Protein backbone atom coordinates (compact mmCIF):
# COMPACT_ATOMS: atom_id res chain seq x y z
CA ARG A 1 0.16 0.23 0.12
CA ASP A 2 3.33 2.12 0.44
CA GLY A 3 3.72 2.42 -3.47
CA SER A 4 7.22 0.29 -3.44
CA LYS A 5 5.48 -3.04 -4.68
CA VAL A 6 3.72 -3.67 -8.37
CA VAL A 7 2.18 -6.65 -8.58
CA SER A 8 1.73 -8.26 -12.93
CA SER A 9 0.49 -11.33 -14.39
CA SER A 10 1.71 -12.73 -17.44
CA ARG A 11 0.50 -15.28 -20.30
CA ASP A 12 3.52 -17.75 -19.04
CA LEU A 13 1.32 -18.41 -16.08
CA THR A 14 3.40 -16.52 -13.28
CA ILE A 15 2.49 -13.43 -11.34
CA ARG A 16 5.72 -11.18 -10.31
CA LEU A 17 6.00 -9.27 -7.71
CA TRP A 18 8.34 -5.80 -8.06
CA ASN A 19 10.16 -3.74 -6.40
CA VAL A 20 9.34 0.04 -7.38
CA ASP A 21 12.67 1.26 -6.11
CA THR A 22 15.26 -1.48 -7.56
CA GLU A 23 13.03 -2.37 -10.88
CA GLN A 24 13.97 -6.13 -9.67
CA CYS A 25 11.51 -9.05 -9.60
CA ASP A 26 10.91 -9.71 -5.41
CA GLY A 27 9.09 -12.47 -5.84
CA LEU A 28 7.60 -14.98 -8.37
CA PHE A 29 4.19 -16.91 -8.00
CA ARG A 30 2.67 -20.01 -10.12
CA MET A 31 -0.48 -19.97 -11.28
CA PRO A 32 -1.88 -23.58 -11.46
CA GLY A 33 -2.39 -24.22 -15.11
CA ILE A 34 -3.97 -21.05 -16.23
CA GLU A 35 -2.93 -17.82 -16.31
CA ALA A 36 -3.83 -14.82 -14.19
CA VAL A 37 -6.13 -12.32 -15.99
CA ALA A 38 -6.53 -10.05 -12.85
CA VAL A 39 -4.19 -9.37 -9.86
CA HIS A 40 -4.36 -7.28 -6.71
CA PHE A 41 -2.96 -6.13 -3.48
CA SER A 42 -4.69 -6.76 -0.14
CA MET A 43 -5.25 -3.15 1.78
CA SER A 44 -2.85 -4.93 4.34
CA GLY A 45 -0.17 -5.10 0.81
CA ARG A 46 0.69 -8.76 2.35
CA LYS A 47 -1.59 -11.04 0.27
CA ILE A 48 -2.10 -11.19 -3.56
CA VAL A 49 -5.61 -12.13 -5.11
CA SER A 50 -5.04 -13.59 -8.35
CA GLU A 51 -8.48 -14.05 -11.14
CA SER A 52 -7.72 -16.73 -13.50
CA ARG A 53 -9.51 -17.19 -16.69
CA LEU A 54 -11.96 -19.81 -15.00
CA LYS A 55 -12.73 -16.92 -12.85
CA LYS A 56 -11.22 -19.10 -10.19
CA LEU A 57 -9.20 -16.66 -7.19
CA HIS A 58 -6.53 -17.53 -6.07
CA ILE A 59 -4.75 -15.80 -2.72
CA TRP A 60 -1.08 -15.73 -2.04
CA ASP A 61 1.13 -14.44 0.68
CA THR A 62 4.07 -11.53 -0.48
CA LYS A 63 6.22 -12.69 2.05
CA THR A 64 5.92 -16.94 2.07
CA LEU A 65 5.49 -16.75 -1.90
CA ARG A 66 2.91 -19.25 -1.48
CA ARG A 67 -0.15 -19.93 -2.40
CA LEU A 68 -3.03 -20.15 0.58
CA PRO A 69 -5.47 -22.10 1.32
CA TRP A 70 -9.06 -21.19 0.75
CA ASN A 71 -11.12 -21.56 3.55
CA ALA A 72 -14.72 -22.44 3.06
CA SER A 73 -15.43 -22.39 6.63
CA LYS A 74 -15.24 -18.40 6.70
CA ARG A 75 -16.90 -15.47 5.01
CA TYR A 76 -15.27 -13.77 2.35
CA LYS A 77 -15.83 -10.49 1.16
CA LEU A 78 -14.35 -9.41 -2.06
CA HIS A 79 -14.12 -5.66 -4.06
CA LEU A 80 -11.23 -5.86 -6.42
CA PRO A 81 -10.87 -2.21 -7.99
CA SER A 82 -10.61 -3.57 -11.63
CA THR A 83 -12.09 -2.88 -14.66
CA ASN A 84 -10.53 -5.99 -16.36
CA SER A 85 -12.15 -8.62 -13.55
CA LYS A 86 -14.40 -10.43 -15.02
CA VAL A 87 -15.64 -11.48 -11.56
CA GLY A 88 -16.49 -7.81 -11.23
CA PRO A 89 -15.61 -4.50 -8.64
CA LEU A 90 -14.52 -6.46 -5.23
CA VAL A 91 -12.74 -5.42 -1.77
CA PHE A 92 -11.46 -8.75 -0.01
CA ASP A 93 -12.05 -9.37 4.11
CA SER A 94 -12.45 -12.27 5.90
CA ASP A 95 -14.99 -11.70 9.11
CA ALA A 96 -12.90 -10.12 11.78
CA HIS A 97 -9.47 -11.15 10.60
CA GLU A 98 -6.54 -9.69 8.47
CA SER A 99 -8.41 -8.23 6.09
CA ILE A 100 -6.91 -9.01 2.07
């Protein structure tokens, strides 16, 4: 959220976390078999939400560079501000847990 990082997705099924100051890739995430059509930082900047062509959402941890499990027992709200998103305008939080 401080503007020091940028996230991008590519047709090679990767998501990259870029350092704006150094112009270097700080993290590489691999999508599971299909490219991401939209990527967004969480409100905290600690997670990334990606949307695949199949309209599936994935949550990624920017510290560990791993995909996080989707917990079906939690209630989520998504509000990702994107005109490219096929899912529509979405923000993400999980009840009283950390907003992502």
